[in-house]
Every structure is written in structure tokens, then in C-alpha cells.
Amino acid sequence: MTQLNGQASLTADAFTRLMIGVPWVNRACTFNACDCWGLVVLYYRHVIGKELHTLPGYEAGSDFFTCHSDEVVFWKRGEMPEENGIFIGYTGNSPIHIGLIVNGRALHSRGENGAVRSDRLQAIEKVFTRVEYMTYASN
């Protein structure tokens, strides 16, 4: 399950089946454990066939807000969710969570003692005070 010459190696459905239930672990980015950003990186690597730009703050353990402000410049905002795009969930004015739009649903890894799950986008929009939708700028 690795990328071959920049080509995607998994379908979105196969990736989703593989990842549902994988435990959330802070700063993890593997098929055995991942956090919310790690899930996005894995998806883009193995389904889309792209390596996302990642700044050192993520690996260094910077808080989510710092990581978000460093990385958001590589994404473009959209009015509506787009397949293979991302969502960013806010509490007040603070971004606190990120996930993917896969098959019209939110695929995300949520919090301590959590795991990767797929939820309706309407449920995500109710959990957070604001939700932004974005696509990778190089798409």
C-alpha cells in the first residue's frame, strides 16, 4: 500500500474501509494510528497520489492553531464541500479539527480515545461553531 511513481495506490472506498476504526494518536500518520492531519496526509499520499506540503511545526508538536495558520496558505477556500477536499472545524474563531470529504461524508480522526470515523457533513456542521471547506491549491 505504497505510492508508486507518484500514482495513487488505493481507491477512496478502499482507504475508507482500511482506516475506519484506526485509533487517534497525536502526531501519528500511519495505517495503524493517526491524528486528524495525519489522516489527510495519508489520504492525499495513497488515494490522490500527492505529497502535501507539511511544515516542521506539525512534527514539533505545535498546537493546532499554529499548524493551521502555517498550512492554510497551501489550500483554497470554497463555498461548498468538494469531494477529496477538506473541512476545518472551528470553536469560536479557533480552528480545532480537520477532516476529509469522501463520498460526500466527513472522514476524520477525532480526539483522545477516538478513532477514524465517517459522519454526515450535517453532523459536523452541528458540532462546530463554523466549518470551512477547502481544496488543495495545486489540484
N, C-alpha and C. Protein backbone atom coordinates (compact mmCIF):
# COMPACT_ATOMS: atom_id res chain seq x y z
N MET A 1 0.82 -1.18 0.00
CA MET A 1 0.00 0.00 0.00
C MET A 1 0.86 1.24 0.00
N THR A 2 1.74 1.32 -0.92
CA THR A 2 2.58 2.50 -1.02
C THR A 2 2.36 3.14 -2.38
N GLN A 3 2.78 4.36 -2.44
CA GLN A 3 2.66 5.11 -3.67
C GLN A 3 3.72 4.64 -4.66
N LEU A 4 3.34 4.45 -5.89
CA LEU A 4 4.27 4.01 -6.91
C LEU A 4 4.43 5.10 -7.95
N ASN A 5 5.63 5.68 -8.04
CA ASN A 5 5.92 6.71 -9.03
C ASN A 5 4.89 7.84 -9.03
N GLY A 6 4.49 8.29 -7.84
CA GLY A 6 3.56 9.39 -7.74
C GLY A 6 2.11 9.02 -8.06
N GLN A 7 1.82 7.74 -8.23
CA GLN A 7 0.47 7.31 -8.55
C GLN A 7 -0.24 6.82 -7.29
N ALA A 8 -1.51 7.09 -7.22
CA ALA A 8 -2.31 6.64 -6.09
C ALA A 8 -2.38 5.12 -6.09
N SER A 9 -2.41 4.52 -4.91
CA SER A 9 -2.41 3.07 -4.81
C SER A 9 -3.69 2.52 -4.20
N LEU A 10 -4.59 3.38 -3.72
CA LEU A 10 -5.84 2.94 -3.11
C LEU A 10 -7.00 3.76 -3.67
N THR A 11 -8.15 3.15 -3.80
CA THR A 11 -9.35 3.92 -4.11
C THR A 11 -9.83 4.59 -2.83
N ALA A 12 -10.68 5.58 -2.98
CA ALA A 12 -11.25 6.25 -1.80
C ALA A 12 -12.02 5.27 -0.93
N ASP A 13 -12.76 4.36 -1.56
CA ASP A 13 -13.53 3.38 -0.79
C ASP A 13 -12.62 2.42 -0.03
N ALA A 14 -11.57 1.94 -0.68
CA ALA A 14 -10.63 1.03 -0.02
C ALA A 14 -9.93 1.73 1.14
N PHE A 15 -9.53 2.98 0.94
CA PHE A 15 -8.88 3.74 2.01
C PHE A 15 -9.83 3.91 3.19
N THR A 16 -11.07 4.26 2.91
CA THR A 16 -12.05 4.45 3.97
C THR A 16 -12.24 3.16 4.76
N ARG A 17 -12.42 2.04 4.06
CA ARG A 17 -12.59 0.75 4.76
C ARG A 17 -11.37 0.41 5.61
N LEU A 18 -10.19 0.70 5.09
CA LEU A 18 -8.94 0.41 5.80
C LEU A 18 -8.79 1.27 7.06
N MET A 19 -9.25 2.52 6.99
CA MET A 19 -8.97 3.47 8.07
C MET A 19 -10.05 3.55 9.15
N ILE A 20 -11.30 3.21 8.83
CA ILE A 20 -12.36 3.30 9.84
C ILE A 20 -11.95 2.47 11.06
N GLY A 21 -11.98 3.10 12.23
CA GLY A 21 -11.63 2.43 13.48
C GLY A 21 -10.17 2.53 13.87
N VAL A 22 -9.31 3.05 12.98
CA VAL A 22 -7.89 3.22 13.34
C VAL A 22 -7.82 4.26 14.46
N PRO A 23 -7.11 3.96 15.55
CA PRO A 23 -7.11 4.87 16.70
C PRO A 23 -6.43 6.21 16.43
N TRP A 24 -6.99 7.25 17.07
CA TRP A 24 -6.40 8.57 17.05
C TRP A 24 -5.19 8.57 17.98
N VAL A 25 -4.04 9.01 17.46
CA VAL A 25 -2.83 9.20 18.26
C VAL A 25 -2.23 10.52 17.80
N ASN A 26 -1.96 11.41 18.75
CA ASN A 26 -1.42 12.73 18.43
C ASN A 26 -0.13 12.62 17.61
N ARG A 27 -0.09 13.31 16.49
CA ARG A 27 1.04 13.42 15.57
C ARG A 27 1.36 12.12 14.83
N ALA A 28 0.45 11.16 14.85
CA ALA A 28 0.66 9.91 14.13
C ALA A 28 0.15 10.05 12.70
N CYS A 29 0.81 9.35 11.79
CA CYS A 29 0.44 9.39 10.37
C CYS A 29 0.76 8.04 9.74
N THR A 30 0.08 6.99 10.24
CA THR A 30 0.29 5.64 9.74
C THR A 30 -1.06 4.95 9.56
N PHE A 31 -1.03 3.76 8.97
CA PHE A 31 -2.25 2.98 8.84
C PHE A 31 -2.65 2.32 10.15
N ASN A 32 -1.80 2.42 11.17
CA ASN A 32 -2.10 1.83 12.48
C ASN A 32 -2.58 2.85 13.49
N ALA A 33 -2.28 4.13 13.26
CA ALA A 33 -2.69 5.22 14.16
C ALA A 33 -2.50 6.54 13.42
N CYS A 34 -3.41 7.48 13.66
CA CYS A 34 -3.25 8.79 13.03
C CYS A 34 -4.08 9.83 13.79
N ASP A 35 -3.65 11.07 13.65
CA ASP A 35 -4.48 12.16 14.14
C ASP A 35 -5.21 12.75 12.94
N CYS A 36 -5.91 13.85 13.14
CA CYS A 36 -6.74 14.37 12.04
C CYS A 36 -5.91 14.83 10.84
N TRP A 37 -4.77 15.50 11.07
CA TRP A 37 -3.93 15.92 9.95
C TRP A 37 -3.24 14.72 9.32
N GLY A 38 -2.79 13.77 10.13
CA GLY A 38 -2.16 12.56 9.61
C GLY A 38 -3.08 11.81 8.66
N LEU A 39 -4.38 11.78 8.95
CA LEU A 39 -5.35 11.13 8.07
C LEU A 39 -5.40 11.84 6.71
N VAL A 40 -5.40 13.16 6.73
CA VAL A 40 -5.42 13.93 5.48
C VAL A 40 -4.16 13.64 4.66
N VAL A 41 -3.00 13.64 5.31
CA VAL A 41 -1.73 13.36 4.63
C VAL A 41 -1.76 11.97 4.00
N LEU A 42 -2.20 10.97 4.76
CA LEU A 42 -2.27 9.60 4.24
C LEU A 42 -3.20 9.51 3.03
N TYR A 43 -4.35 10.15 3.12
CA TYR A 43 -5.32 10.11 2.03
C TYR A 43 -4.73 10.71 0.76
N TYR A 44 -4.14 11.88 0.89
CA TYR A 44 -3.56 12.52 -0.30
C TYR A 44 -2.41 11.70 -0.86
N ARG A 45 -1.63 11.08 -0.01
CA ARG A 45 -0.50 10.27 -0.47
C ARG A 45 -0.96 9.01 -1.18
N HIS A 46 -1.92 8.29 -0.60
CA HIS A 46 -2.27 6.96 -1.09
C HIS A 46 -3.51 6.91 -1.98
N VAL A 47 -4.35 7.94 -1.96
CA VAL A 47 -5.53 7.96 -2.82
C VAL A 47 -5.36 8.97 -3.95
N ILE A 48 -4.93 10.17 -3.63
CA ILE A 48 -4.78 11.23 -4.63
C ILE A 48 -3.44 11.10 -5.35
N GLY A 49 -2.41 10.57 -4.66
CA GLY A 49 -1.09 10.44 -5.26
C GLY A 49 -0.26 11.70 -5.15
N LYS A 50 -0.54 12.52 -4.12
CA LYS A 50 0.21 13.77 -3.91
C LYS A 50 0.76 13.82 -2.50
N GLU A 51 1.97 14.35 -2.40
CA GLU A 51 2.56 14.62 -1.09
C GLU A 51 2.18 16.04 -0.71
N LEU A 52 1.51 16.19 0.41
CA LEU A 52 1.12 17.52 0.87
C LEU A 52 2.31 18.25 1.46
N HIS A 53 2.28 19.54 1.30
CA HIS A 53 3.29 20.38 1.94
C HIS A 53 3.06 20.31 3.45
N THR A 54 4.09 20.02 4.21
CA THR A 54 3.98 19.98 5.67
C THR A 54 5.16 20.73 6.27
N LEU A 55 4.84 21.69 7.11
CA LEU A 55 5.88 22.47 7.78
C LEU A 55 6.33 21.77 9.05
N PRO A 56 7.51 22.10 9.56
CA PRO A 56 8.06 21.44 10.74
C PRO A 56 7.21 21.56 12.00
N GLY A 57 6.35 22.55 12.09
CA GLY A 57 5.55 22.74 13.30
C GLY A 57 4.72 21.53 13.67
N TYR A 58 4.23 20.81 12.68
CA TYR A 58 3.40 19.64 12.95
C TYR A 58 4.19 18.57 13.69
N GLU A 59 5.35 18.22 13.14
CA GLU A 59 6.17 17.19 13.79
C GLU A 59 6.71 17.66 15.14
N ALA A 60 6.91 18.97 15.28
CA ALA A 60 7.47 19.52 16.52
C ALA A 60 6.43 19.63 17.62
N GLY A 61 5.17 19.33 17.31
CA GLY A 61 4.14 19.34 18.34
C GLY A 61 3.49 20.68 18.55
N SER A 62 3.59 21.59 17.58
CA SER A 62 2.92 22.88 17.71
C SER A 62 1.42 22.66 17.86
N ASP A 63 0.74 23.61 18.51
CA ASP A 63 -0.70 23.49 18.68
C ASP A 63 -1.41 23.56 17.33
N PHE A 64 -2.65 23.11 17.30
CA PHE A 64 -3.39 23.03 16.04
C PHE A 64 -3.50 24.39 15.37
N PHE A 65 -3.76 25.44 16.14
CA PHE A 65 -3.91 26.78 15.56
C PHE A 65 -2.64 27.20 14.81
N THR A 66 -1.46 26.95 15.40
CA THR A 66 -0.19 27.30 14.75
C THR A 66 -0.01 26.48 13.48
N CYS A 67 -0.27 25.19 13.55
CA CYS A 67 -0.14 24.34 12.37
C CYS A 67 -1.10 24.80 11.28
N HIS A 68 -2.34 25.11 11.66
CA HIS A 68 -3.33 25.57 10.69
C HIS A 68 -2.87 26.84 10.00
N SER A 69 -2.41 27.82 10.75
CA SER A 69 -2.02 29.09 10.13
C SER A 69 -0.80 28.92 9.23
N ASP A 70 0.08 27.96 9.53
CA ASP A 70 1.24 27.70 8.68
C ASP A 70 0.86 26.97 7.39
N GLU A 71 -0.15 26.11 7.44
CA GLU A 71 -0.50 25.26 6.31
C GLU A 71 -1.63 25.81 5.43
N VAL A 72 -2.51 26.62 5.99
CA VAL A 72 -3.71 27.05 5.26
C VAL A 72 -3.38 27.81 3.98
N VAL A 73 -2.21 28.38 3.88
CA VAL A 73 -1.83 29.13 2.67
C VAL A 73 -1.69 28.20 1.45
N PHE A 74 -1.60 26.90 1.66
CA PHE A 74 -1.47 25.94 0.56
C PHE A 74 -2.82 25.39 0.10
N TRP A 75 -3.90 25.93 0.65
CA TRP A 75 -5.26 25.48 0.35
C TRP A 75 -6.09 26.67 -0.11
N LYS A 76 -7.16 26.40 -0.86
CA LYS A 76 -8.06 27.48 -1.26
C LYS A 76 -9.46 27.17 -0.73
N ARG A 77 -10.10 28.23 -0.25
CA ARG A 77 -11.43 28.10 0.34
C ARG A 77 -12.48 27.92 -0.75
N GLY A 78 -13.51 27.18 -0.38
CA GLY A 78 -14.66 27.00 -1.24
C GLY A 78 -15.93 27.28 -0.46
N GLU A 79 -16.99 27.54 -1.18
CA GLU A 79 -18.28 27.80 -0.53
C GLU A 79 -18.96 26.52 -0.07
N MET A 80 -18.71 25.45 -0.80
CA MET A 80 -19.38 24.18 -0.54
C MET A 80 -18.33 23.08 -0.40
N PRO A 81 -18.68 21.98 0.25
CA PRO A 81 -17.75 20.85 0.33
C PRO A 81 -17.50 20.27 -1.06
N GLU A 82 -16.25 19.90 -1.33
CA GLU A 82 -15.89 19.26 -2.60
C GLU A 82 -15.28 17.90 -2.31
N GLU A 83 -15.63 16.93 -3.14
CA GLU A 83 -15.07 15.59 -3.00
C GLU A 83 -13.54 15.67 -3.01
N ASN A 84 -12.91 14.97 -2.10
CA ASN A 84 -11.46 14.93 -1.90
C ASN A 84 -10.90 16.23 -1.33
N GLY A 85 -11.77 17.13 -0.94
CA GLY A 85 -11.34 18.34 -0.24
C GLY A 85 -11.31 18.09 1.25
N ILE A 86 -11.15 19.15 2.00
CA ILE A 86 -11.11 19.04 3.46
C ILE A 86 -12.15 19.96 4.09
N PHE A 87 -12.42 19.70 5.36
CA PHE A 87 -13.19 20.65 6.17
C PHE A 87 -12.33 21.02 7.36
N ILE A 88 -12.54 22.22 7.84
CA ILE A 88 -11.87 22.69 9.07
C ILE A 88 -12.98 23.11 10.02
N GLY A 89 -12.99 22.50 11.20
CA GLY A 89 -13.99 22.82 12.21
C GLY A 89 -13.45 23.82 13.21
N TYR A 90 -14.27 24.79 13.53
CA TYR A 90 -13.90 25.87 14.45
C TYR A 90 -14.75 25.81 15.71
N THR A 91 -14.16 26.22 16.81
CA THR A 91 -14.88 26.57 18.02
C THR A 91 -14.61 28.05 18.24
N GLY A 92 -15.64 28.86 18.14
CA GLY A 92 -15.44 30.31 18.13
C GLY A 92 -14.63 30.68 16.90
N ASN A 93 -13.54 31.42 17.10
CA ASN A 93 -12.68 31.80 15.99
C ASN A 93 -11.46 30.90 15.85
N SER A 94 -11.39 29.83 16.63
CA SER A 94 -10.21 28.96 16.64
C SER A 94 -10.45 27.68 15.86
N PRO A 95 -9.60 27.41 14.86
CA PRO A 95 -9.68 26.13 14.16
C PRO A 95 -9.18 25.02 15.10
N ILE A 96 -9.96 23.95 15.22
CA ILE A 96 -9.56 22.89 16.15
C ILE A 96 -9.56 21.49 15.54
N HIS A 97 -10.06 21.34 14.31
CA HIS A 97 -10.17 19.99 13.75
C HIS A 97 -10.17 20.07 12.22
N ILE A 98 -9.66 19.02 11.60
CA ILE A 98 -9.63 18.92 10.15
C ILE A 98 -10.04 17.51 9.74
N GLY A 99 -10.67 17.40 8.59
CA GLY A 99 -11.04 16.10 8.07
C GLY A 99 -11.23 16.17 6.57
N LEU A 100 -11.57 15.05 5.99
CA LEU A 100 -11.70 14.92 4.54
C LEU A 100 -13.17 14.82 4.12
N ILE A 101 -13.43 15.17 2.87
CA ILE A 101 -14.73 14.94 2.26
C ILE A 101 -14.56 13.75 1.31
N VAL A 102 -15.14 12.61 1.70
CA VAL A 102 -15.02 11.39 0.91
C VAL A 102 -16.42 10.79 0.76
N ASN A 103 -16.82 10.60 -0.49
CA ASN A 103 -18.16 10.09 -0.78
C ASN A 103 -19.25 10.95 -0.15
N GLY A 104 -19.02 12.26 -0.14
CA GLY A 104 -20.00 13.21 0.38
C GLY A 104 -20.14 13.19 1.89
N ARG A 105 -19.20 12.55 2.57
CA ARG A 105 -19.23 12.44 4.04
C ARG A 105 -17.93 12.97 4.62
N ALA A 106 -17.93 13.17 5.93
CA ALA A 106 -16.75 13.64 6.64
C ALA A 106 -15.98 12.43 7.17
N LEU A 107 -14.77 12.22 6.63
CA LEU A 107 -13.88 11.17 7.13
C LEU A 107 -12.85 11.88 7.99
N HIS A 108 -12.80 11.52 9.27
CA HIS A 108 -11.93 12.26 10.19
C HIS A 108 -11.52 11.40 11.37
N SER A 109 -10.43 11.82 12.01
CA SER A 109 -9.92 11.15 13.21
C SER A 109 -10.06 12.14 14.36
N ARG A 110 -10.85 11.78 15.33
CA ARG A 110 -11.27 12.76 16.32
C ARG A 110 -10.81 12.42 17.73
N GLY A 111 -9.94 13.24 18.30
CA GLY A 111 -9.62 13.32 19.71
C GLY A 111 -9.15 12.11 20.46
N GLU A 112 -8.66 12.37 21.65
CA GLU A 112 -8.14 11.31 22.51
C GLU A 112 -9.21 10.25 22.76
N ASN A 113 -8.78 9.01 22.75
CA ASN A 113 -9.65 7.83 22.88
C ASN A 113 -10.62 7.71 21.70
N GLY A 114 -10.36 8.44 20.63
CA GLY A 114 -11.20 8.38 19.45
C GLY A 114 -10.56 7.53 18.37
N ALA A 115 -11.17 7.54 17.21
CA ALA A 115 -10.69 6.76 16.08
C ALA A 115 -11.20 7.39 14.80
N VAL A 116 -10.71 6.91 13.67
CA VAL A 116 -11.18 7.38 12.38
C VAL A 116 -12.62 6.94 12.21
N ARG A 117 -13.44 7.87 11.72
CA ARG A 117 -14.86 7.59 11.53
C ARG A 117 -15.38 8.38 10.34
N SER A 118 -16.53 7.99 9.87
CA SER A 118 -17.20 8.68 8.77
C SER A 118 -18.54 9.18 9.28
N ASP A 119 -18.76 10.49 9.17
CA ASP A 119 -20.00 11.10 9.64
C ASP A 119 -20.64 11.90 8.53
N ARG A 120 -21.93 12.13 8.67
CA ARG A 120 -22.62 13.03 7.74
C ARG A 120 -22.07 14.44 7.93
N LEU A 121 -21.97 15.18 6.84
CA LEU A 121 -21.47 16.56 6.92
C LEU A 121 -22.38 17.42 7.79
N GLN A 122 -23.68 17.16 7.78
CA GLN A 122 -24.60 17.92 8.62
C GLN A 122 -24.26 17.75 10.09
N ALA A 123 -23.82 16.57 10.49
CA ALA A 123 -23.43 16.35 11.89
C ALA A 123 -22.19 17.17 12.23
N ILE A 124 -21.24 17.23 11.32
CA ILE A 124 -20.03 18.02 11.53
C ILE A 124 -20.39 19.49 11.68
N GLU A 125 -21.30 19.97 10.82
CA GLU A 125 -21.70 21.37 10.86
C GLU A 125 -22.41 21.73 12.16
N LYS A 126 -23.01 20.75 12.83
CA LYS A 126 -23.68 21.00 14.12
C LYS A 126 -22.71 20.97 15.29
N VAL A 127 -21.62 20.20 15.17
CA VAL A 127 -20.66 20.05 16.26
C VAL A 127 -19.82 21.32 16.45
N PHE A 128 -19.49 21.98 15.34
CA PHE A 128 -18.59 23.13 15.37
C PHE A 128 -19.38 24.42 15.17
N THR A 129 -18.82 25.52 15.68
CA THR A 129 -19.50 26.81 15.51
C THR A 129 -19.38 27.31 14.07
N ARG A 130 -18.37 26.84 13.35
CA ARG A 130 -18.19 27.21 11.95
C ARG A 130 -17.40 26.11 11.27
N VAL A 131 -17.70 25.84 10.02
CA VAL A 131 -16.97 24.85 9.22
C VAL A 131 -16.57 25.52 7.90
N GLU A 132 -15.28 25.42 7.56
CA GLU A 132 -14.79 25.90 6.27
C GLU A 132 -14.47 24.70 5.40
N TYR A 133 -14.67 24.87 4.11
CA TYR A 133 -14.34 23.83 3.14
C TYR A 133 -13.21 24.34 2.26
N MET A 134 -12.25 23.46 1.98
CA MET A 134 -11.09 23.85 1.20
C MET A 134 -10.66 22.72 0.27
N THR A 135 -9.91 23.11 -0.79
CA THR A 135 -9.26 22.15 -1.67
C THR A 135 -7.78 22.50 -1.74
N TYR A 136 -6.98 21.51 -2.04
CA TYR A 136 -5.54 21.73 -2.13
C TYR A 136 -5.25 22.64 -3.31
N ALA A 137 -4.45 23.67 -3.10
CA ALA A 137 -4.23 24.71 -4.10
C ALA A 137 -3.61 24.17 -5.38
N SER A 138 -2.88 23.06 -5.32
CA SER A 138 -2.25 22.54 -6.52
C SER A 138 -3.14 21.58 -7.29
N ASN A 139 -4.39 21.38 -6.85
CA ASN A 139 -5.32 20.49 -7.57
C ASN A 139 -5.79 21.14 -8.84
